[in-house]
Amino acid sequence: MPFDLFGLGKYVYTFEEVCREYPELSLNDGAKRIFINTHGKNKEDVSPEFVALMKFIEYNKSEDKINSSPNLDMIMNRVSQVKANEEVGVKYMQRWEEEAIIRHEEREAGREEGREEGLEKGREEGLEEGREKTTIFNIRNLMRNMKLTAEQAMEALGIDKSEFSKYMTML
């Protein structure tokens, strides 16, 4: 991070899975979260090479050749080569644009799929509501015209007894 998330001046903050209420209780799953801050102040707790890498990441230039190392020099050289090579830059941008287009298309496909699922669910709910209203209408007609009780009307319509209470609340 190019800022100190916790404001304590550390280059590195390491968190392990422990219980807040009982710190001695641990999951022992090996999971760790490490936050790296390019603006740390505790140089004595990290290697000079690490500090040089943080400066390079933050400012994109090497200010400290003394604390450099073969690995850091290799990273800085490769970054410089990529920046200087217009063809690589264009390919990187094209790849970045392709990935952005793919992510956009995936989001759109997900939205369309969600919309279709929503419409299907709405159709199903609408059909169910229509069936229920028609059934209520038929029950009421039988009760009024044939002078049947609600239970007799539902039996005449072939409604399962387990649904009687549902329709009774709708009458």
C-alpha atoms as a PDB file:
ATOM      1  CA  MET A   1       0.000   0.000   0.000  1.00  0.00           C
ATOM      2  CA  PRO A   2       1.272   3.515  -0.675  1.00  0.00           C
ATOM      3  CA  PHE A   3      -0.004   4.575   2.758  1.00  0.00           C
ATOM      4  CA  ASP A   4       0.080   3.319   6.332  1.00  0.00           C
ATOM      5  CA  LEU A   5      -3.301   1.647   6.810  1.00  0.00           C
ATOM      6  CA  PHE A   6      -2.880   1.362  10.574  1.00  0.00           C
ATOM      7  CA  GLY A   7      -0.858   4.560  11.180  1.00  0.00           C
ATOM      8  CA  LEU A   8       1.779   2.897  13.334  1.00  0.00           C
ATOM      9  CA  GLY A   9       4.781   3.465  11.065  1.00  0.00           C
ATOM     10  CA  LYS A  10       5.494  -0.192  10.272  1.00  0.00           C
ATOM     11  CA  TYR A  11       6.567  -1.482   6.886  1.00  0.00           C
ATOM     12  CA  VAL A  12       4.881  -4.827   7.534  1.00  0.00           C
ATOM     13  CA  TYR A  13       1.783  -5.779   9.543  1.00  0.00           C
ATOM     14  CA  THR A  14       1.189  -9.522   9.901  1.00  0.00           C
ATOM     15  CA  PHE A  15      -2.134 -10.933  11.094  1.00  0.00           C
ATOM     16  CA  GLU A  16      -2.807 -14.565  11.957  1.00  0.00           C
ATOM     17  CA  GLU A  17      -6.099 -16.279  12.676  1.00  0.00           C
ATOM     18  CA  VAL A  18      -6.695 -16.093  16.414  1.00  0.00           C
ATOM     19  CA  CYS A  19      -9.834 -15.703  18.459  1.00  0.00           C
ATOM     20  CA  ARG A  20     -10.409 -12.130  19.676  1.00  0.00           C
ATOM     21  CA  GLU A  21     -12.078 -13.286  22.877  1.00  0.00           C
ATOM     22  CA  TYR A  22      -9.433 -15.938  23.610  1.00  0.00           C
ATOM     23  CA  PRO A  23      -6.136 -14.988  21.907  1.00  0.00           C
ATOM     24  CA  GLU A  24      -4.600 -18.283  23.040  1.00  0.00           C
ATOM     25  CA  LEU A  25      -7.193 -20.078  20.869  1.00  0.00           C
ATOM     26  CA  SER A  26      -5.972 -20.366  17.298  1.00  0.00           C
ATOM     27  CA  LEU A  27      -7.397 -21.967  14.159  1.00  0.00           C
ATOM     28  CA  ASN A  28      -3.940 -23.281  13.237  1.00  0.00           C
ATOM     29  CA  ASP A  29      -4.864 -23.238   9.564  1.00  0.00           C
ATOM     30  CA  GLY A  30      -1.717 -21.389   8.540  1.00  0.00           C
ATOM     31  CA  ALA A  31      -3.662 -18.462   7.114  1.00  0.00           C
ATOM     32  CA  LYS A  32      -1.928 -15.090   7.377  1.00  0.00           C
ATOM     33  CA  ARG A  33      -2.719 -11.626   6.138  1.00  0.00           C
ATOM     34  CA  ILE A  34       0.239  -9.395   5.474  1.00  0.00           C
ATOM     35  CA  PHE A  35      -0.124  -5.694   4.797  1.00  0.00           C
ATOM     36  CA  ILE A  36       2.954  -4.004   3.331  1.00  0.00           C
ATOM     37  CA  ASN A  37       3.298  -0.244   3.617  1.00  0.00           C
ATOM     38  CA  THR A  38       5.756   1.627   1.386  1.00  0.00           C
ATOM     39  CA  HIS A  39       5.948   4.469   3.943  1.00  0.00           C
ATOM     40  CA  GLY A  40       7.197   2.488   6.942  1.00  0.00           C
ATOM     41  CA  LYS A  41       9.534   4.071   9.475  1.00  0.00           C
ATOM     42  CA  ASN A  42      10.934   0.980  11.221  1.00  0.00           C
ATOM     43  CA  LYS A  43      14.035   0.405   9.053  1.00  0.00           C
ATOM     44  CA  GLU A  44      15.700  -1.510  11.888  1.00  0.00           C
ATOM     45  CA  ASP A  45      13.066  -4.282  11.639  1.00  0.00           C
ATOM     46  CA  VAL A  46      13.495  -4.979   7.910  1.00  0.00           C
ATOM     47  CA  SER A  47      16.401  -5.487   5.543  1.00  0.00           C
ATOM     48  CA  PRO A  48      17.991  -2.550   3.691  1.00  0.00           C
ATOM     49  CA  GLU A  49      17.075  -4.325   0.433  1.00  0.00           C
ATOM     50  CA  PHE A  50      13.397  -4.330   1.502  1.00  0.00           C
ATOM     51  CA  VAL A  51      13.526  -0.587   2.236  1.00  0.00           C
ATOM     52  CA  ALA A  52      15.114   0.011  -1.184  1.00  0.00           C
ATOM     53  CA  LEU A  53      12.368  -2.068  -2.826  1.00  0.00           C
ATOM     54  CA  MET A  54       9.668  -0.057  -1.017  1.00  0.00           C
ATOM     55  CA  LYS A  55      11.242   3.202  -2.244  1.00  0.00           C
ATOM     56  CA  PHE A  56      11.419   1.816  -5.769  1.00  0.00           C
ATOM     57  CA  ILE A  57       7.780   0.719  -5.660  1.00  0.00           C
ATOM     58  CA  GLU A  58       6.687   4.097  -4.292  1.00  0.00           C
ATOM     59  CA  TYR A  59       8.820   6.403  -6.430  1.00  0.00           C
ATOM     60  CA  ASN A  60       9.659   4.096  -9.353  1.00  0.00           C
ATOM     61  CA  LYS A  61      13.335   4.922  -9.159  1.00  0.00           C
ATOM     62  CA  SER A  62      16.323   3.704  -7.225  1.00  0.00           C
ATOM     63  CA  GLU A  63      17.536   6.279  -4.752  1.00  0.00           C
ATOM     64  CA  ASP A  64      19.791   3.955  -2.825  1.00  0.00           C
ATOM     65  CA  LYS A  65      22.365   2.065  -4.904  1.00  0.00           C
ATOM     66  CA  ILE A  66      24.208   1.131  -1.693  1.00  0.00           C
ATOM     67  CA  ASN A  67      21.349  -1.061  -0.432  1.00  0.00           C
ATOM     68  CA  SER A  68      20.612  -2.497  -3.835  1.00  0.00           C
ATOM     69  CA  SER A  69      21.023  -6.195  -4.570  1.00  0.00           C
ATOM     70  CA  PRO A  70      21.167  -8.395  -7.656  1.00  0.00           C
ATOM     71  CA  ASN A  71      17.451  -9.223  -7.266  1.00  0.00           C
ATOM     72  CA  LEU A  72      16.409  -5.587  -6.891  1.00  0.00           C
ATOM     73  CA  ASP A  73      18.684  -4.549  -9.761  1.00  0.00           C
ATOM     74  CA  MET A  74      17.083  -7.222 -11.941  1.00  0.00           C
ATOM     75  CA  ILE A  75      13.578  -5.935 -11.067  1.00  0.00           C
ATOM     76  CA  MET A  76      14.535  -2.318 -11.759  1.00  0.00           C
ATOM     77  CA  ASN A  77      16.199  -3.237 -15.073  1.00  0.00           C
ATOM     78  CA  ARG A  78      13.194  -5.243 -16.234  1.00  0.00           C
ATOM     79  CA  VAL A  79      10.780  -2.434 -15.342  1.00  0.00           C
ATOM     80  CA  SER A  80      12.990   0.029 -17.225  1.00  0.00           C
ATOM     81  CA  GLN A  81      13.086  -2.265 -20.280  1.00  0.00           C
ATOM     82  CA  VAL A  82       9.321  -2.644 -20.316  1.00  0.00           C
ATOM     83  CA  LYS A  83       8.807   1.107 -19.966  1.00  0.00           C
ATOM     84  CA  ALA A  84      11.293   1.841 -22.745  1.00  0.00           C
ATOM     85  CA  ASN A  85       9.850  -0.728 -25.144  1.00  0.00           C
ATOM     86  CA  GLU A  86       6.861   0.830 -26.889  1.00  0.00           C
ATOM     87  CA  GLU A  87       5.758  -2.507 -28.353  1.00  0.00           C
ATOM     88  CA  VAL A  88       5.577  -4.107 -24.900  1.00  0.00           C
ATOM     89  CA  GLY A  89       3.666  -1.081 -23.589  1.00  0.00           C
ATOM     90  CA  VAL A  90       1.155  -1.340 -26.431  1.00  0.00           C
ATOM     91  CA  LYS A  91       0.746  -5.086 -25.871  1.00  0.00           C
ATOM     92  CA  TYR A  92       0.260  -4.484 -22.156  1.00  0.00           C
ATOM     93  CA  MET A  93      -2.389  -1.852 -22.837  1.00  0.00           C
ATOM     94  CA  GLN A  94      -4.089  -4.067 -25.414  1.00  0.00           C
ATOM     95  CA  ARG A  95      -4.120  -6.959 -22.954  1.00  0.00           C
ATOM     96  CA  TRP A  96      -5.439  -4.668 -20.215  1.00  0.00           C
ATOM     97  CA  GLU A  97      -8.177  -3.421 -22.567  1.00  0.00           C
ATOM     98  CA  GLU A  98      -9.041  -6.985 -23.603  1.00  0.00           C
ATOM     99  CA  GLU A  99      -9.376  -8.017 -19.968  1.00  0.00           C
ATOM    100  CA  ALA A 100     -11.528  -4.954 -19.251  1.00  0.00           C
ATOM    101  CA  ILE A 101     -13.776  -5.832 -22.210  1.00  0.00           C
ATOM    102  CA  ILE A 102     -14.016  -9.461 -21.061  1.00  0.00           C
ATOM    103  CA  ARG A 103     -14.923  -8.369 -17.507  1.00  0.00           C
ATOM    104  CA  HIS A 104     -17.550  -5.989 -18.917  1.00  0.00           C
ATOM    105  CA  GLU A 105     -19.034  -8.717 -21.122  1.00  0.00           C
ATOM    106  CA  GLU A 106     -19.105 -11.139 -18.193  1.00  0.00           C
ATOM    107  CA  ARG A 107     -20.894  -8.556 -16.046  1.00  0.00           C
ATOM    108  CA  GLU A 108     -23.389  -7.891 -18.838  1.00  0.00           C
ATOM    109  CA  ALA A 109     -23.977 -11.624 -19.333  1.00  0.00           C
ATOM    110  CA  GLY A 110     -24.510 -11.979 -15.585  1.00  0.00           C
ATOM    111  CA  ARG A 111     -26.977  -9.109 -15.606  1.00  0.00           C
ATOM    112  CA  GLU A 112     -28.839 -10.614 -18.559  1.00  0.00           C
ATOM    113  CA  GLU A 113     -28.896 -14.010 -16.857  1.00  0.00           C
ATOM    114  CA  GLY A 114     -30.161 -12.389 -13.658  1.00  0.00           C
ATOM    115  CA  ARG A 115     -32.785 -10.459 -15.599  1.00  0.00           C
ATOM    116  CA  GLU A 116     -33.968 -13.649 -17.313  1.00  0.00           C
ATOM    117  CA  GLU A 117     -34.095 -15.480 -13.974  1.00  0.00           C
ATOM    118  CA  GLY A 118     -36.049 -12.588 -12.481  1.00  0.00           C
ATOM    119  CA  LEU A 119     -38.508 -12.553 -15.370  1.00  0.00           C
ATOM    120  CA  GLU A 120     -38.981 -16.322 -15.158  1.00  0.00           C
ATOM    121  CA  LYS A 121     -39.551 -16.126 -11.417  1.00  0.00           C
ATOM    122  CA  GLY A 122     -41.986 -13.249 -11.941  1.00  0.00           C
ATOM    123  CA  ARG A 123     -43.869 -15.237 -14.579  1.00  0.00           C
ATOM    124  CA  GLU A 124     -44.074 -18.246 -12.284  1.00  0.00           C
ATOM    125  CA  GLU A 125     -45.265 -16.103  -9.366  1.00  0.00           C
ATOM    126  CA  GLY A 126     -47.801 -14.386 -11.620  1.00  0.00           C
ATOM    127  CA  LEU A 127     -49.139 -17.695 -12.877  1.00  0.00           C
ATOM    128  CA  GLU A 128     -49.392 -19.023  -9.328  1.00  0.00           C
ATOM    129  CA  GLU A 129     -51.206 -15.861  -8.216  1.00  0.00           C
ATOM    130  CA  GLY A 130     -53.575 -16.188 -11.192  1.00  0.00           C
ATOM    131  CA  ARG A 131     -54.310 -19.811 -10.357  1.00  0.00           C
ATOM    132  CA  GLU A 132     -55.012 -18.895  -6.734  1.00  0.00           C
ATOM    133  CA  LYS A 133     -57.353 -16.045  -7.727  1.00  0.00           C
ATOM    134  CA  THR A 134     -59.193 -18.312 -10.141  1.00  0.00           C
ATOM    135  CA  THR A 135     -59.536 -20.969  -7.451  1.00  0.00           C
ATOM    136  CA  ILE A 136     -60.861 -18.401  -4.944  1.00  0.00           C
ATOM    137  CA  PHE A 137     -63.310 -17.135  -7.583  1.00  0.00           C
ATOM    138  CA  ASN A 138     -64.521 -20.712  -8.218  1.00  0.00           C
ATOM    139  CA  ILE A 139     -64.865 -21.465  -4.487  1.00  0.00           C
ATOM    140  CA  ARG A 140     -66.915 -18.324  -3.966  1.00  0.00           C
ATOM    141  CA  ASN A 141     -69.141 -19.119  -6.974  1.00  0.00           C
ATOM    142  CA  LEU A 142     -69.866 -22.609  -5.675  1.00  0.00           C
ATOM    143  CA  MET A 143     -70.581 -21.236  -2.207  1.00  0.00           C
ATOM    144  CA  ARG A 144     -72.942 -18.580  -3.578  1.00  0.00           C
ATOM    145  CA  ASN A 145     -74.638 -20.494  -6.388  1.00  0.00           C
ATOM    146  CA  MET A 146     -74.688 -24.005  -4.975  1.00  0.00           C
ATOM    147  CA  LYS A 147     -75.016 -22.948  -1.314  1.00  0.00           C
ATOM    148  CA  LEU A 148     -71.944 -25.025  -0.325  1.00  0.00           C
ATOM    149  CA  THR A 149     -69.632 -24.442   2.598  1.00  0.00           C
ATOM    150  CA  ALA A 150     -66.054 -23.407   1.791  1.00  0.00           C
ATOM    151  CA  GLU A 151     -64.830 -26.921   2.599  1.00  0.00           C
ATOM    152  CA  GLN A 152     -67.495 -28.530   0.383  1.00  0.00           C
ATOM    153  CA  ALA A 153     -66.623 -26.162  -2.479  1.00  0.00           C
ATOM    154  CA  MET A 154     -62.917 -26.962  -2.175  1.00  0.00           C
ATOM    155  CA  GLU A 155     -63.662 -30.692  -2.150  1.00  0.00           C
ATOM    156  CA  ALA A 156     -65.849 -30.264  -5.234  1.00  0.00           C
ATOM    157  CA  LEU A 157     -62.970 -28.474  -6.989  1.00  0.00           C
ATOM    158  CA  GLY A 158     -60.581 -31.286  -6.071  1.00  0.00           C
ATOM    159  CA  ILE A 159     -58.342 -29.108  -3.891  1.00  0.00           C
ATOM    160  CA  ASP A 160     -56.011 -31.082  -1.655  1.00  0.00           C
ATOM    161  CA  LYS A 161     -57.069 -30.919   2.018  1.00  0.00           C
ATOM    162  CA  SER A 162     -53.558 -29.725   2.948  1.00  0.00           C
ATOM    163  CA  GLU A 163     -54.308 -26.476   1.081  1.00  0.00           C
ATOM    164  CA  PHE A 164     -57.702 -25.795   2.670  1.00  0.00           C
ATOM    165  CA  SER A 165     -56.258 -23.492   5.341  1.00  0.00           C
ATOM    166  CA  LYS A 166     -54.399 -21.445   2.719  1.00  0.00           C
ATOM    167  CA  TYR A 167     -57.585 -20.808   0.755  1.00  0.00           C
ATOM    168  CA  MET A 168     -59.632 -20.198   3.905  1.00  0.00           C
ATOM    169  CA  THR A 169     -57.356 -17.225   4.708  1.00  0.00           C
ATOM    170  CA  MET A 170     -57.896 -15.856   1.205  1.00  0.00           C
ATOM    171  CA  LEU A 171     -61.700 -16.045   1.255  1.00  0.00           C
END
